[in-house]
Amino acid sequence: MKVKEVWQGKCPRCGEGDMFVYPLSRITKFSEMHSHCNKCGAPFEPEPGFYYGSLFVSYAFNVAIMAIIWLVLYFTVNPPDWIYGVALVIFSVLSIPYSFRYSRILFLYWFGGLSRK
């Protein structure tokens, strides 16, 4: 697994085809995936319901983001409690497209069975 290919959302088998239809900058369509790799034909959904497991990866991302935000706030400005809550909610909502996309990419790389030929 190459970090660059994971970061760019490339196919785990060939490393060339895109997993997602649109770039991450298209916020309204961030979740649309190709069904197969357009270069090697590898399926991006190995079985029905495969990506339910990626919810756990997404949860871990959100916990890490919240812990980082809390630590930064605590050690820099130490605001009132309500600021922590607002900041955590705002950053959680803003990270949804990234968390969704990278949890699916990592889950497919780890458990999809699409190793290099």
Protein backbone atom coordinates (compact mmCIF):
# COMPACT_ATOMS: atom_id res chain seq x y z
CA MET A 1 0.00 0.00 0.00
CA LYS A 2 1.45 3.31 -1.06
CA VAL A 3 0.52 6.38 0.94
CA LYS A 4 0.24 8.51 -2.21
CA GLU A 5 -2.27 6.11 -3.77
CA VAL A 6 -4.37 6.03 -0.60
CA TRP A 7 -4.24 9.83 -0.33
CA GLN A 8 -5.40 10.18 -3.96
CA GLY A 9 -8.07 7.47 -3.65
CA LYS A 10 -6.64 5.15 -6.29
CA CYS A 11 -7.48 1.50 -6.90
CA PRO A 12 -5.81 -0.91 -4.45
CA ARG A 13 -5.08 -3.43 -7.21
CA CYS A 14 -3.54 -1.31 -9.98
CA GLY A 15 -2.93 2.01 -8.23
CA GLU A 16 -4.17 3.95 -11.25
CA GLY A 17 -7.98 4.02 -11.40
CA ASP A 18 -9.98 6.47 -9.28
CA MET A 19 -12.28 5.05 -6.62
CA PHE A 20 -14.55 8.09 -6.49
CA VAL A 21 -16.42 9.69 -9.37
CA TYR A 22 -15.86 13.31 -8.37
CA PRO A 23 -12.96 15.08 -6.65
CA LEU A 24 -13.29 15.94 -2.98
CA SER A 25 -13.78 19.58 -3.91
CA ARG A 26 -17.31 18.73 -5.17
CA ILE A 27 -18.82 18.71 -1.69
CA THR A 28 -22.34 17.82 -2.83
CA LYS A 29 -21.16 14.63 -4.56
CA PHE A 30 -18.28 13.54 -2.32
CA SER A 31 -19.74 10.08 -1.69
CA GLU A 32 -20.28 8.81 -5.26
CA MET A 33 -18.02 5.85 -5.99
CA HIS A 34 -17.30 3.94 -9.17
CA SER A 35 -18.54 0.37 -9.02
CA HIS A 36 -15.36 -0.95 -10.70
CA CYS A 37 -11.89 0.36 -11.47
CA ASN A 38 -11.83 2.00 -14.89
CA LYS A 39 -8.26 0.70 -15.48
CA CYS A 40 -8.17 -2.91 -14.23
CA GLY A 41 -11.85 -3.71 -13.57
CA ALA A 42 -11.45 -4.51 -9.87
CA PRO A 43 -14.76 -4.29 -7.99
CA PHE A 44 -14.90 -1.52 -5.41
CA GLU A 45 -17.72 -3.22 -3.50
CA PRO A 46 -16.55 -6.80 -2.97
CA GLU A 47 -19.86 -7.82 -1.34
CA PRO A 48 -23.15 -6.15 -0.41
CA GLY A 49 -22.83 -4.14 2.79
CA PHE A 50 -19.03 -4.25 2.68
CA TYR A 51 -18.61 -0.64 3.76
CA TYR A 52 -20.59 -0.98 6.99
CA GLY A 53 -17.27 -1.86 8.61
CA SER A 54 -15.80 1.44 7.48
CA LEU A 55 -18.07 3.13 10.02
CA PHE A 56 -15.62 2.03 12.70
CA VAL A 57 -12.72 3.63 10.81
CA SER A 58 -14.75 6.82 10.40
CA TYR A 59 -15.55 6.78 14.12
CA ALA A 60 -11.83 6.51 14.93
CA PHE A 61 -11.12 9.49 12.65
CA ASN A 62 -13.77 11.57 14.39
CA VAL A 63 -12.51 10.66 17.86
CA ALA A 64 -8.97 11.62 16.82
CA ILE A 65 -10.16 14.93 15.34
CA MET A 66 -12.15 15.75 18.47
CA ALA A 67 -9.23 14.89 20.75
CA ILE A 68 -6.87 17.09 18.73
CA ILE A 69 -9.30 20.02 18.69
CA TRP A 70 -9.90 19.69 22.42
CA LEU A 71 -6.17 19.55 23.18
CA VAL A 72 -5.40 22.56 20.98
CA LEU A 73 -8.14 24.61 22.61
CA TYR A 74 -7.21 23.51 26.12
CA PHE A 75 -3.51 24.27 25.82
CA THR A 76 -3.82 27.50 23.83
CA VAL A 77 -6.81 29.54 25.03
CA ASN A 78 -8.66 27.35 27.59
CA PRO A 79 -12.13 28.72 26.68
CA PRO A 80 -15.44 28.19 28.49
CA ASP A 81 -17.07 24.78 28.16
CA TRP A 82 -19.64 25.85 25.56
CA ILE A 83 -16.82 26.85 23.16
CA TYR A 84 -15.48 23.31 23.33
CA GLY A 85 -18.88 21.92 22.37
CA VAL A 86 -19.39 24.34 19.49
CA ALA A 87 -15.87 23.81 18.14
CA LEU A 88 -16.18 20.01 18.32
CA VAL A 89 -19.52 20.02 16.49
CA ILE A 90 -18.29 22.42 13.80
CA PHE A 91 -15.09 20.47 13.13
CA SER A 92 -16.98 17.15 13.13
CA VAL A 93 -19.43 18.41 10.53
CA LEU A 94 -16.67 19.93 8.39
CA SER A 95 -14.70 16.67 8.45
CA ILE A 96 -17.58 14.47 7.24
CA PRO A 97 -16.52 14.34 3.56
CA TYR A 98 -12.90 13.55 4.45
CA SER A 99 -13.79 11.02 7.13
CA PHE A 100 -16.32 9.28 4.87
CA ARG A 101 -13.99 9.08 1.89
CA TYR A 102 -10.80 8.03 3.65
CA SER A 103 -12.52 5.49 5.87
CA ARG A 104 -13.84 3.76 2.75
CA ILE A 105 -10.48 3.95 0.99
CA LEU A 106 -8.61 2.48 3.95
CA PHE A 107 -11.25 -0.20 4.55
CA LEU A 108 -11.03 -1.35 0.92
CA TYR A 109 -7.23 -1.38 1.06
CA TRP A 110 -7.16 -3.36 4.32
CA PHE A 111 -10.06 -5.80 3.89
CA GLY A 112 -11.09 -5.72 0.21
CA GLY A 113 -8.81 -8.54 -0.91
CA LEU A 114 -7.55 -6.48 -3.85
CA SER A 115 -3.83 -7.03 -3.59
CA ARG A 116 -1.35 -6.23 -6.33
CA LYS A 117 -0.93 -8.82 -9.05
